[in-house]
Protein backbone atom coordinates (compact mmCIF):
# COMPACT_ATOMS: atom_id res chain seq x y z
CA UNK A 1 -58.69 -43.16 -45.90
CA UNK A 2 -57.28 -45.56 -43.28
CA UNK A 3 -53.69 -44.51 -44.09
CA UNK A 4 -54.64 -40.85 -43.66
CA UNK A 5 -56.17 -41.58 -40.26
CA UNK A 6 -53.05 -43.51 -39.20
CA UNK A 7 -50.84 -40.61 -40.34
CA UNK A 8 -53.05 -38.12 -38.48
CA UNK A 9 -52.81 -40.22 -35.32
CA UNK A 10 -49.02 -40.43 -35.66
CA UNK A 11 -48.72 -36.64 -36.10
CA UNK A 12 -51.12 -36.02 -33.22
CA UNK A 13 -49.00 -38.22 -30.97
CA UNK A 14 -45.86 -36.29 -31.92
CA UNK A 15 -47.53 -32.89 -31.42
CA UNK A 16 -48.88 -33.81 -27.99
CA UNK A 17 -45.50 -35.22 -26.91
CA UNK A 18 -43.83 -31.92 -27.84
CA UNK A 19 -46.42 -29.77 -26.05
CA UNK A 20 -46.06 -31.60 -22.74
CA UNK A 21 -42.28 -31.41 -22.60
CA UNK A 22 -40.90 -29.61 -19.50
CA UNK A 23 -39.71 -26.46 -21.27
CA UNK A 24 -43.08 -26.00 -23.00
CA UNK A 25 -44.96 -26.52 -19.73
CA UNK A 26 -42.70 -23.90 -18.14
CA UNK A 27 -43.45 -21.47 -20.99
CA UNK A 28 -47.18 -22.09 -20.49
CA UNK A 29 -46.83 -21.30 -16.78
CA UNK A 30 -44.98 -18.07 -17.59
CA UNK A 31 -47.68 -17.06 -20.08
CA UNK A 32 -50.34 -17.73 -17.46
CA UNK A 33 -48.40 -15.60 -14.99
CA UNK A 34 -48.52 -12.71 -17.49
CA UNK A 35 -52.23 -13.25 -18.24
CA UNK A 36 -53.21 -13.28 -14.56
CA UNK A 37 -50.80 -10.49 -13.54
CA UNK A 38 -53.46 -7.77 -13.19
CA UNK A 39 -56.70 -9.67 -12.69
CA UNK A 40 -55.45 -12.39 -10.31
CA UNK A 41 -52.02 -11.46 -8.93
CA UNK A 42 -51.96 -14.32 -6.39
CA UNK A 43 -52.52 -16.88 -9.14
CA UNK A 44 -49.98 -15.11 -11.31
CA UNK A 45 -47.38 -15.41 -8.55
CA UNK A 46 -48.14 -19.14 -8.12
CA UNK A 47 -47.63 -19.73 -11.83
CA UNK A 48 -44.39 -17.75 -11.80
CA UNK A 49 -43.11 -19.59 -8.73
CA UNK A 50 -44.06 -22.97 -10.23
CA UNK A 51 -42.21 -22.13 -13.43
CA UNK A 52 -39.11 -21.11 -11.46
CA UNK A 53 -39.12 -24.26 -9.32
CA UNK A 54 -39.68 -26.46 -12.37
CA UNK A 55 -36.84 -25.00 -14.42
CA UNK A 56 -34.42 -25.20 -11.46
CA UNK A 57 -35.31 -28.80 -10.63
CA UNK A 58 -35.16 -29.87 -14.28
CA UNK A 59 -31.71 -28.37 -14.77
CA UNK A 60 -29.98 -29.41 -11.53
CA UNK A 61 -27.58 -32.30 -12.30
CA UNK A 62 -28.22 -34.26 -9.09
CA UNK A 63 -31.97 -34.39 -9.85
CA UNK A 64 -31.69 -34.98 -13.59
CA UNK A 65 -28.98 -37.65 -13.22
CA UNK A 66 -30.96 -39.54 -10.59
CA UNK A 67 -33.96 -39.78 -12.93
CA UNK A 68 -31.85 -40.68 -15.96
CA UNK A 69 -29.96 -43.47 -14.19
CA UNK A 70 -33.27 -45.23 -13.51
CA UNK A 71 -33.77 -45.49 -17.27
CA UNK A 72 -30.18 -46.20 -18.27
CA UNK A 73 -29.28 -48.74 -15.58
CA UNK A 74 -31.58 -51.57 -16.72
CA UNK A 75 -29.11 -53.14 -19.17
CA UNK A 76 -25.36 -53.58 -18.92
CA UNK A 77 -22.92 -52.57 -21.63
CA UNK A 78 -22.63 -55.28 -24.29
CA UNK A 79 -19.43 -57.34 -24.21
CA UNK A 80 -19.58 -60.43 -26.43
CA UNK A 81 -22.03 -63.26 -27.05
CA UNK A 82 -20.83 -66.79 -26.40
CA UNK A 83 -22.80 -67.80 -29.51
CA UNK A 84 -22.47 -66.48 -33.07
CA UNK A 85 -24.66 -63.45 -33.72
CA UNK A 86 -27.01 -63.56 -36.70
CA UNK A 87 -28.18 -59.94 -36.78
CA UNK A 88 -27.18 -56.61 -35.27
CA UNK A 89 -30.30 -54.43 -35.27
CA UNK A 90 -29.67 -50.69 -35.13
CA UNK A 91 -32.77 -48.65 -34.35
CA UNK A 92 -33.36 -45.48 -36.33
CA UNK A 93 -32.54 -41.98 -35.21
CA UNK A 94 -32.35 -38.75 -37.19
CA UNK A 95 -30.12 -36.91 -39.62
CA UNK A 96 -29.87 -33.47 -41.21
CA UNK A 97 -29.69 -33.69 -45.01
CA UNK A 98 -26.71 -31.84 -46.43
CA UNK A 99 -24.90 -33.38 -49.39
CA UNK A 100 -22.06 -30.91 -48.97
CA UNK A 101 -21.03 -32.80 -45.82
CA UNK A 102 -19.87 -36.40 -45.30
CA UNK A 103 -22.75 -38.72 -44.49
CA UNK A 104 -21.36 -39.28 -40.98
CA UNK A 105 -21.58 -35.53 -40.34
CA UNK A 106 -25.26 -35.53 -41.27
CA UNK A 107 -26.19 -37.90 -38.44
CA UNK A 108 -27.52 -36.40 -35.25
CA UNK A 109 -25.90 -37.18 -31.90
CA UNK A 110 -28.00 -40.26 -31.09
CA UNK A 111 -27.61 -41.77 -34.57
CA UNK A 112 -23.86 -41.26 -34.43
CA UNK A 113 -23.68 -42.99 -31.06
CA UNK A 114 -25.66 -45.95 -32.43
CA UNK A 115 -23.43 -46.05 -35.51
CA UNK A 116 -20.27 -46.31 -33.41
CA UNK A 117 -21.78 -49.02 -31.21
CA UNK A 118 -22.94 -50.97 -34.27
CA UNK A 119 -19.42 -50.85 -35.69
CA UNK A 120 -17.95 -51.95 -32.33
CA UNK A 121 -20.34 -54.90 -32.04
CA UNK A 122 -19.73 -55.84 -35.68
CA UNK A 123 -15.98 -55.98 -35.00
CA UNK A 124 -16.77 -58.44 -32.19
CA UNK A 125 -19.09 -60.44 -34.43
CA UNK A 126 -18.07 -60.10 -38.09
CA UNK A 127 -20.29 -63.10 -38.86
CA UNK A 128 -23.40 -60.99 -38.20
CA UNK A 129 -25.49 -59.03 -40.67
CA UNK A 130 -26.49 -55.49 -39.70
CA UNK A 131 -30.06 -54.22 -40.01
CA UNK A 132 -30.38 -50.44 -40.07
CA UNK A 133 -33.80 -48.92 -39.61
CA UNK A 134 -35.66 -45.67 -39.75
CA UNK A 135 -37.82 -43.39 -41.85
CA UNK A 136 -37.11 -39.69 -42.42
CA UNK A 137 -39.99 -37.25 -42.82
CA UNK A 138 -38.06 -34.42 -44.54
CA UNK A 139 -35.51 -36.28 -46.66
CA UNK A 140 -36.00 -38.59 -49.64
CA UNK A 141 -33.16 -40.68 -48.21
CA UNK A 142 -34.17 -42.62 -45.11
CA UNK A 143 -32.22 -42.64 -41.87
CA UNK A 144 -31.68 -46.37 -42.43
CA UNK A 145 -29.94 -45.61 -45.74
CA UNK A 146 -27.77 -42.89 -44.17
CA UNK A 147 -26.69 -45.32 -41.47
CA UNK A 148 -25.86 -47.92 -44.11
CA UNK A 149 -23.76 -45.43 -46.09
CA UNK A 150 -21.95 -44.47 -42.88
CA UNK A 151 -21.19 -48.09 -42.00
CA UNK A 152 -19.87 -48.74 -45.51
CA UNK A 153 -17.67 -45.67 -45.15
CA UNK A 154 -16.26 -47.23 -41.96
CA UNK A 155 -15.43 -50.43 -43.82
CA UNK A 156 -18.44 -52.72 -43.32
CA UNK A 157 -19.17 -54.64 -46.56
CA UNK A 158 -22.31 -53.34 -48.24
CA UNK A 159 -23.72 -56.84 -48.71
CA UNK A 160 -23.66 -57.33 -44.93
CA UNK A 161 -26.18 -54.52 -44.36
CA UNK A 162 -29.96 -54.75 -44.65
CA UNK A 163 -32.10 -51.59 -44.53
CA UNK A 164 -35.65 -51.07 -43.30
CA UNK A 165 -36.73 -47.71 -44.71
CA UNK A 166 -40.29 -47.45 -43.50
CA UNK A 167 -40.56 -47.60 -39.66
CA UNK A 168 -41.42 -44.22 -38.16
CA UNK A 169 -41.06 -45.14 -34.49
CA UNK A 170 -39.87 -47.93 -32.23
CA UNK A 171 -43.15 -49.82 -32.24
CA UNK A 172 -43.17 -49.98 -36.05
CA UNK A 173 -39.52 -51.03 -36.07
CA UNK A 174 -40.30 -54.02 -33.86
CA UNK A 175 -43.33 -54.95 -35.95
CA UNK A 176 -41.53 -54.74 -39.30
CA UNK A 177 -38.14 -56.22 -38.34
CA UNK A 178 -39.27 -59.04 -36.04
CA UNK A 179 -40.64 -61.39 -38.75
CA UNK A 180 -37.18 -61.40 -40.41
CA UNK A 181 -35.26 -62.25 -37.23
CA UNK A 182 -37.53 -64.72 -35.44
CA UNK A 183 -35.48 -67.44 -33.74
CA UNK A 184 -32.15 -65.79 -34.55
CA UNK A 185 -29.45 -64.61 -32.17
CA UNK A 186 -29.78 -60.81 -32.21
CA UNK A 187 -28.04 -57.81 -30.70
CA UNK A 188 -30.23 -54.73 -30.39
CA UNK A 189 -28.60 -51.28 -30.44
CA UNK A 190 -30.22 -48.08 -29.26
CA UNK A 191 -29.57 -45.38 -26.67
CA UNK A 192 -29.47 -46.56 -23.07
CA UNK A 193 -32.42 -44.40 -21.97
CA UNK A 194 -34.50 -45.86 -24.83
CA UNK A 195 -33.50 -49.52 -24.43
CA UNK A 196 -36.18 -50.59 -21.93
CA UNK A 197 -39.03 -49.47 -24.19
CA UNK A 198 -37.37 -50.89 -27.30
CA UNK A 199 -36.84 -54.30 -25.71
CA UNK A 200 -40.46 -54.34 -24.56
CA UNK A 201 -41.70 -53.80 -28.12
CA UNK A 202 -39.51 -56.61 -29.49
CA UNK A 203 -40.55 -58.96 -26.67
CA UNK A 204 -44.16 -58.29 -27.61
CA UNK A 205 -43.32 -59.56 -31.12
CA UNK A 206 -41.72 -62.75 -29.76
CA UNK A 207 -38.12 -61.61 -30.28
CA UNK A 208 -35.65 -61.57 -27.36
CA UNK A 209 -32.45 -59.71 -28.35
CA UNK A 210 -29.26 -59.13 -26.44
CA UNK A 211 -29.14 -55.46 -25.44
CA UNK A 212 -26.29 -53.20 -26.53
CA UNK A 213 -27.13 -49.82 -24.98
CA UNK A 214 -25.11 -46.79 -26.02
CA UNK A 215 -25.08 -43.02 -25.54
CA UNK A 216 -25.16 -43.03 -21.75
CA UNK A 217 -25.92 -39.57 -20.40
CA UNK A 218 -24.70 -40.38 -16.90
CA UNK A 219 -21.18 -41.66 -17.46
CA UNK A 220 -20.37 -42.60 -13.86
CA UNK A 221 -23.44 -42.68 -11.59
CA UNK A 222 -21.39 -43.78 -8.57
CA UNK A 223 -18.93 -40.88 -8.73
CA UNK A 224 -18.66 -38.58 -5.74
CA UNK A 225 -20.91 -35.49 -5.93
CA UNK A 226 -19.52 -31.98 -5.50
CA UNK A 227 -21.05 -28.51 -5.38
CA UNK A 228 -21.36 -28.26 -9.18
CA UNK A 229 -23.93 -31.07 -9.10
CA UNK A 230 -26.34 -28.75 -7.32
CA UNK A 231 -26.08 -25.83 -9.75
CA UNK A 232 -28.40 -25.50 -12.80
CA UNK A 233 -26.92 -26.72 -16.08
CA UNK A 234 -28.60 -26.13 -19.47
CA UNK A 235 -27.46 -29.56 -20.71
CA UNK A 236 -29.29 -31.20 -17.81
CA UNK A 237 -32.50 -29.45 -18.85
CA UNK A 238 -32.24 -31.30 -22.17
CA UNK A 239 -31.44 -34.51 -20.31
CA UNK A 240 -34.52 -34.14 -18.11
CA UNK A 241 -36.62 -33.55 -21.23
CA UNK A 242 -35.46 -36.91 -22.58
CA UNK A 243 -36.27 -38.59 -19.26
CA UNK A 244 -39.73 -37.00 -19.30
CA UNK A 245 -40.38 -38.09 -22.89
CA UNK A 246 -39.18 -41.64 -22.35
CA UNK A 247 -41.09 -42.04 -19.08
CA UNK A 248 -44.33 -40.86 -20.69
CA UNK A 249 -43.73 -43.17 -23.65
CA UNK A 250 -43.23 -46.11 -21.28
CA UNK A 251 -46.47 -45.21 -19.51
CA UNK A 252 -48.37 -45.06 -22.83
CA UNK A 253 -46.79 -48.39 -23.82
CA UNK A 254 -48.05 -50.04 -20.61
CA UNK A 255 -51.55 -48.56 -20.99
CA UNK A 256 -51.80 -49.74 -24.61
CA UNK A 257 -50.84 -53.26 -23.52
CA UNK A 258 -53.62 -53.28 -20.93
CA UNK A 259 -56.21 -52.63 -23.61
CA UNK A 260 -54.71 -54.76 -26.40
């Protein structure tokens, strides 16, 4: 019964997070504009105008990049530890099961970025063991296992890789992996926009890794802006969605800590 309640809470959290994403809020505003079109035209116009402003702001590069940099700029790119590294921890992402394709082609964009960074850090520290992590809700093979198979394909010895199949989110990853790596010298790999929240979860478990952020959306935040930075871009709408999700997740993380 307890496991069912935990699963229901996990699914509820995921459903709510999807519903409050920018594009879904914009769709809701557009639906309200249609509903109020005849009965309350003034309110309908306000909903329509709000939807228009929201979609423009969310897709303009100069706005989206400014918000993303605040998440990505908290940790520098990893270079090399002056001490031997015991573990390289790669947080889970996602993949699309398709045995007709190479395992590396099944990884989604974020997982592939983490894979490449894990391989880069391993080349700097071949003494380290790699821990891959991550559940998968629609595949019998976990994301952790897919990442392991990909690393082996790249030439990392299989015996150097440990998998954690069960974590469903970052909080569970920190809780399940931390007991294994207490007191060790660790490098933590995840996407740059996700690193602040991930580090916070590991710190809460008494583990203080070296950060190796990857997958930077804003490649050069100090570059000179031109007119294209003020025109809507569909890719920036996706970027803003990630900023929105991560910012809300950080807020929830802080609130949970207040009451824990």
